[in-house]
Amino acid sequence: MVIREIILKLNHHSDLFNLCETSDLLKRIIGESRIWRELCAYHFTDTQIQDAIEAVNGNFTWKEIYHRLKRSQTPFCSLCLINTPC
């Protein structure tokens, strides 16, 4: 679906929260695990993600992992290739 692909290009979680308020369809799509998994991959290193998953003993949702990482670590920008919140 084209909408899903556009959403995956957004790079900040606040954009997703704002989109959720615009329609039920967008709210449902943004609730998908894939969206949050992709955000994790975009903003954090594999090591950071793995450490966060291990910290919750593998019992998680990708949205929870994203917020856990956002609170605890400096994001890694895959575009800039440095640890920085873009």
Foldseek 3Di string as FASTA:
>chain_A
DVVLVVLLPDQDVVVLVVQLVPDVVSVVSSPDLVSLQSNCVQWAPPVLLVVLCVVVPNPDGSVVSSVVCVVPAQTQHPVVRGRHDD
